[in-house]
């Protein structure tokens, strides 16, 4: 399978209980990869099918983290670095 599209940083916040208005709410925060094209590749690879993603990625800490996650998902990838700025 081949997917062309987004690879983005997703921030997921899950409250540990009911939300309290005007108060701190303990939560679990997860930062990880997402984007429709990347998610498609991850699910395809999790089913044992070969998957490749063509995308652009930043040459920064988040970009490096996302590329490492794709490798852990066993997704082949071709990334074109985004220009700085």
N, C-alpha and C. Protein backbone atom coordinates (compact mmCIF):
# COMPACT_ATOMS: atom_id res chain seq x y z
N UNK A 1 0.84 -1.17 0.00
CA UNK A 1 0.00 0.00 0.00
C UNK A 1 0.89 1.24 0.00
N UNK A 2 0.42 2.26 -0.67
CA UNK A 2 1.14 3.52 -0.73
C UNK A 2 0.20 4.64 -0.33
N UNK A 3 0.68 5.51 0.53
CA UNK A 3 -0.12 6.65 0.96
C UNK A 3 0.72 7.91 0.77
N UNK A 4 0.10 8.94 0.23
CA UNK A 4 0.76 10.23 0.03
C UNK A 4 -0.03 11.25 0.83
N UNK A 5 0.64 11.93 1.76
CA UNK A 5 -0.09 12.92 2.53
C UNK A 5 0.56 13.30 3.83
N UNK A 6 -0.29 13.56 4.82
CA UNK A 6 0.13 14.19 6.07
C UNK A 6 0.84 13.26 7.05
N UNK A 7 1.83 13.84 7.69
CA UNK A 7 2.48 13.29 8.88
C UNK A 7 2.59 14.47 9.83
N UNK A 8 1.81 14.45 10.90
CA UNK A 8 1.74 15.61 11.80
C UNK A 8 1.90 15.17 13.25
N UNK A 9 2.11 16.16 14.12
CA UNK A 9 2.17 15.91 15.56
C UNK A 9 0.74 15.99 16.10
N UNK A 10 0.32 14.92 16.77
CA UNK A 10 -0.98 14.89 17.46
C UNK A 10 -0.74 15.04 18.95
N UNK A 11 -1.50 15.88 19.60
CA UNK A 11 -1.48 16.02 21.05
C UNK A 11 -2.83 15.52 21.55
N UNK A 12 -2.81 14.45 22.34
CA UNK A 12 -4.04 13.86 22.86
C UNK A 12 -4.08 14.08 24.37
N UNK A 13 -5.17 14.65 24.86
CA UNK A 13 -5.34 14.92 26.29
C UNK A 13 -6.56 14.13 26.77
N UNK A 14 -6.35 13.26 27.75
CA UNK A 14 -7.44 12.45 28.30
C UNK A 14 -7.57 12.77 29.78
N UNK A 15 -8.67 13.42 30.18
CA UNK A 15 -8.88 13.73 31.60
C UNK A 15 -9.02 12.44 32.42
N UNK A 16 -8.54 12.48 33.65
CA UNK A 16 -8.61 11.32 34.53
C UNK A 16 -9.94 11.22 35.27
N UNK A 17 -10.79 12.20 35.10
CA UNK A 17 -12.11 12.19 35.75
C UNK A 17 -12.99 13.24 35.11
N UNK A 18 -14.13 13.51 35.70
CA UNK A 18 -15.02 14.54 35.16
C UNK A 18 -14.33 15.91 35.18
N UNK A 19 -14.61 16.71 34.16
CA UNK A 19 -14.02 18.05 34.09
C UNK A 19 -14.64 18.94 35.16
N UNK A 20 -13.76 19.70 35.82
CA UNK A 20 -14.21 20.67 36.83
C UNK A 20 -14.01 22.06 36.27
N UNK A 21 -15.06 22.84 36.24
CA UNK A 21 -15.02 24.19 35.68
C UNK A 21 -14.13 25.08 36.55
N UNK A 22 -13.31 25.90 35.89
CA UNK A 22 -12.44 26.87 36.57
C UNK A 22 -11.50 26.22 37.58
N UNK A 23 -10.97 25.05 37.25
CA UNK A 23 -10.07 24.33 38.16
C UNK A 23 -9.09 23.51 37.31
N UNK A 24 -8.01 23.08 37.94
CA UNK A 24 -7.09 22.17 37.27
C UNK A 24 -7.76 20.81 37.14
N UNK A 25 -7.48 20.15 36.02
CA UNK A 25 -8.04 18.83 35.77
C UNK A 25 -6.91 17.87 35.45
N UNK A 26 -6.59 16.94 36.38
CA UNK A 26 -5.53 15.98 36.09
C UNK A 26 -5.85 15.21 34.80
N UNK A 27 -4.83 15.09 33.96
CA UNK A 27 -5.03 14.45 32.66
C UNK A 27 -3.76 13.74 32.23
N UNK A 28 -3.92 12.80 31.31
CA UNK A 28 -2.78 12.16 30.65
C UNK A 28 -2.62 12.85 29.31
N UNK A 29 -1.39 13.24 28.99
CA UNK A 29 -1.11 13.92 27.73
C UNK A 29 -0.15 13.06 26.93
N UNK A 30 -0.51 12.79 25.69
CA UNK A 30 0.33 11.99 24.79
C UNK A 30 0.65 12.82 23.56
N UNK A 31 1.91 12.85 23.20
CA UNK A 31 2.35 13.52 21.98
C UNK A 31 2.89 12.45 21.06
N UNK A 32 2.35 12.38 19.86
CA UNK A 32 2.80 11.34 18.94
C UNK A 32 2.42 11.69 17.51
N UNK A 33 2.70 10.76 16.63
CA UNK A 33 2.44 10.97 15.22
C UNK A 33 0.99 10.78 14.85
N UNK A 34 0.60 11.47 13.81
CA UNK A 34 -0.75 11.35 13.29
C UNK A 34 -0.80 11.87 11.87
N UNK A 35 -1.98 12.15 11.43
CA UNK A 35 -2.21 12.56 10.05
C UNK A 35 -2.85 11.41 9.31
N UNK A 36 -3.79 11.70 8.44
CA UNK A 36 -4.56 10.66 7.78
C UNK A 36 -3.68 9.67 7.03
N UNK A 37 -2.72 10.16 6.26
CA UNK A 37 -1.87 9.27 5.47
C UNK A 37 -0.98 8.41 6.38
N UNK A 38 -0.41 9.01 7.41
CA UNK A 38 0.45 8.26 8.33
C UNK A 38 -0.36 7.22 9.11
N UNK A 39 -1.56 7.60 9.54
CA UNK A 39 -2.42 6.64 10.26
C UNK A 39 -2.78 5.46 9.37
N UNK A 40 -3.09 5.72 8.11
CA UNK A 40 -3.39 4.65 7.16
C UNK A 40 -2.21 3.67 7.07
N UNK A 41 -1.00 4.21 6.95
CA UNK A 41 0.19 3.35 6.86
C UNK A 41 0.39 2.54 8.14
N UNK A 42 0.20 3.17 9.29
CA UNK A 42 0.38 2.47 10.56
C UNK A 42 -0.62 1.31 10.68
N UNK A 43 -1.87 1.55 10.35
CA UNK A 43 -2.88 0.48 10.44
C UNK A 43 -2.60 -0.62 9.43
N UNK A 44 -2.22 -0.25 8.22
CA UNK A 44 -1.90 -1.24 7.20
C UNK A 44 -0.74 -2.12 7.65
N UNK A 45 0.32 -1.49 8.16
CA UNK A 45 1.48 -2.24 8.64
C UNK A 45 1.12 -3.13 9.83
N UNK A 46 0.21 -2.65 10.70
CA UNK A 46 -0.19 -3.45 11.87
C UNK A 46 -0.93 -4.72 11.45
N UNK A 47 -1.50 -4.72 10.25
CA UNK A 47 -2.18 -5.90 9.72
C UNK A 47 -1.23 -6.82 8.96
N UNK A 48 0.06 -6.44 8.93
CA UNK A 48 1.07 -7.28 8.28
C UNK A 48 1.26 -6.99 6.80
N UNK A 49 0.63 -5.95 6.30
CA UNK A 49 0.78 -5.59 4.89
C UNK A 49 1.91 -4.57 4.74
N UNK A 50 2.65 -4.62 3.63
CA UNK A 50 3.67 -3.60 3.41
C UNK A 50 3.01 -2.24 3.20
N UNK A 51 3.61 -1.21 3.77
CA UNK A 51 3.04 0.14 3.66
C UNK A 51 4.17 1.14 3.47
N UNK A 52 3.93 2.11 2.61
CA UNK A 52 4.89 3.19 2.37
C UNK A 52 4.17 4.52 2.43
N UNK A 53 4.87 5.50 2.98
CA UNK A 53 4.33 6.85 3.10
C UNK A 53 5.25 7.83 2.38
N UNK A 54 4.65 8.66 1.54
CA UNK A 54 5.38 9.76 0.92
C UNK A 54 4.85 11.05 1.54
N UNK A 55 5.75 11.83 2.14
CA UNK A 55 5.32 13.03 2.85
C UNK A 55 6.47 14.02 2.96
N UNK A 56 6.18 15.19 3.50
CA UNK A 56 7.22 16.15 3.88
C UNK A 56 7.33 16.12 5.39
N UNK A 57 8.52 16.39 5.89
CA UNK A 57 8.73 16.38 7.33
C UNK A 57 9.76 17.44 7.70
N UNK A 58 9.55 18.08 8.85
CA UNK A 58 10.48 19.08 9.31
C UNK A 58 11.76 18.47 9.85
N UNK A 59 12.87 19.19 9.69
CA UNK A 59 14.17 18.75 10.20
C UNK A 59 14.36 19.34 11.60
N UNK A 60 13.52 18.88 12.54
CA UNK A 60 13.57 19.36 13.92
C UNK A 60 13.25 18.19 14.85
N UNK A 61 13.17 18.45 16.15
CA UNK A 61 12.93 17.37 17.11
C UNK A 61 11.63 16.63 16.81
N UNK A 62 10.55 17.37 16.54
CA UNK A 62 9.28 16.71 16.24
C UNK A 62 9.37 15.87 14.97
N UNK A 63 10.00 16.40 13.94
CA UNK A 63 10.16 15.65 12.71
C UNK A 63 10.95 14.37 12.92
N UNK A 64 12.02 14.44 13.70
CA UNK A 64 12.83 13.25 13.97
C UNK A 64 12.02 12.23 14.76
N UNK A 65 11.22 12.70 15.72
CA UNK A 65 10.38 11.80 16.52
C UNK A 65 9.36 11.09 15.61
N UNK A 66 8.75 11.84 14.71
CA UNK A 66 7.75 11.25 13.82
C UNK A 66 8.36 10.21 12.89
N UNK A 67 9.54 10.49 12.36
CA UNK A 67 10.22 9.53 11.49
C UNK A 67 10.55 8.25 12.27
N UNK A 68 11.00 8.40 13.52
CA UNK A 68 11.31 7.22 14.35
C UNK A 68 10.05 6.40 14.61
N UNK A 69 8.91 7.09 14.86
CA UNK A 69 7.65 6.36 15.08
C UNK A 69 7.27 5.57 13.84
N UNK A 70 7.43 6.16 12.66
CA UNK A 70 7.11 5.42 11.43
C UNK A 70 7.96 4.17 11.32
N UNK A 71 9.24 4.29 11.66
CA UNK A 71 10.11 3.12 11.63
C UNK A 71 9.65 2.05 12.59
N UNK A 72 9.20 2.46 13.78
CA UNK A 72 8.70 1.50 14.77
C UNK A 72 7.43 0.82 14.26
N UNK A 73 6.64 1.53 13.47
CA UNK A 73 5.42 0.94 12.90
C UNK A 73 5.73 0.07 11.69
N UNK A 74 6.99 0.02 11.30
CA UNK A 74 7.45 -0.72 10.13
C UNK A 74 6.85 -0.21 8.83
N UNK A 75 6.72 1.09 8.75
CA UNK A 75 6.26 1.74 7.51
C UNK A 75 7.46 2.19 6.72
N UNK A 76 7.52 1.78 5.47
CA UNK A 76 8.54 2.34 4.59
C UNK A 76 8.20 3.81 4.37
N UNK A 77 9.18 4.64 4.12
CA UNK A 77 8.88 6.05 3.98
C UNK A 77 9.87 6.73 3.05
N UNK A 78 9.35 7.71 2.37
CA UNK A 78 10.17 8.64 1.61
C UNK A 78 9.78 10.03 2.08
N UNK A 79 10.68 10.68 2.75
CA UNK A 79 10.42 12.01 3.30
C UNK A 79 11.21 13.04 2.53
N UNK A 80 10.55 14.11 2.23
CA UNK A 80 11.23 15.26 1.65
C UNK A 80 11.30 16.31 2.73
N UNK A 81 12.51 16.72 3.14
CA UNK A 81 12.59 17.71 4.23
C UNK A 81 11.96 19.04 3.82
N UNK A 82 11.21 19.60 4.73
CA UNK A 82 10.63 20.92 4.50
C UNK A 82 11.73 21.97 4.63
N UNK A 83 11.67 23.02 3.82
CA UNK A 83 12.68 24.07 3.96
C UNK A 83 12.53 24.79 5.29
N UNK A 84 13.63 25.28 5.87
CA UNK A 84 13.54 25.99 7.14
C UNK A 84 12.67 27.25 7.01
N UNK A 85 12.04 27.60 8.16
CA UNK A 85 11.25 28.82 8.21
C UNK A 85 9.93 28.60 7.70
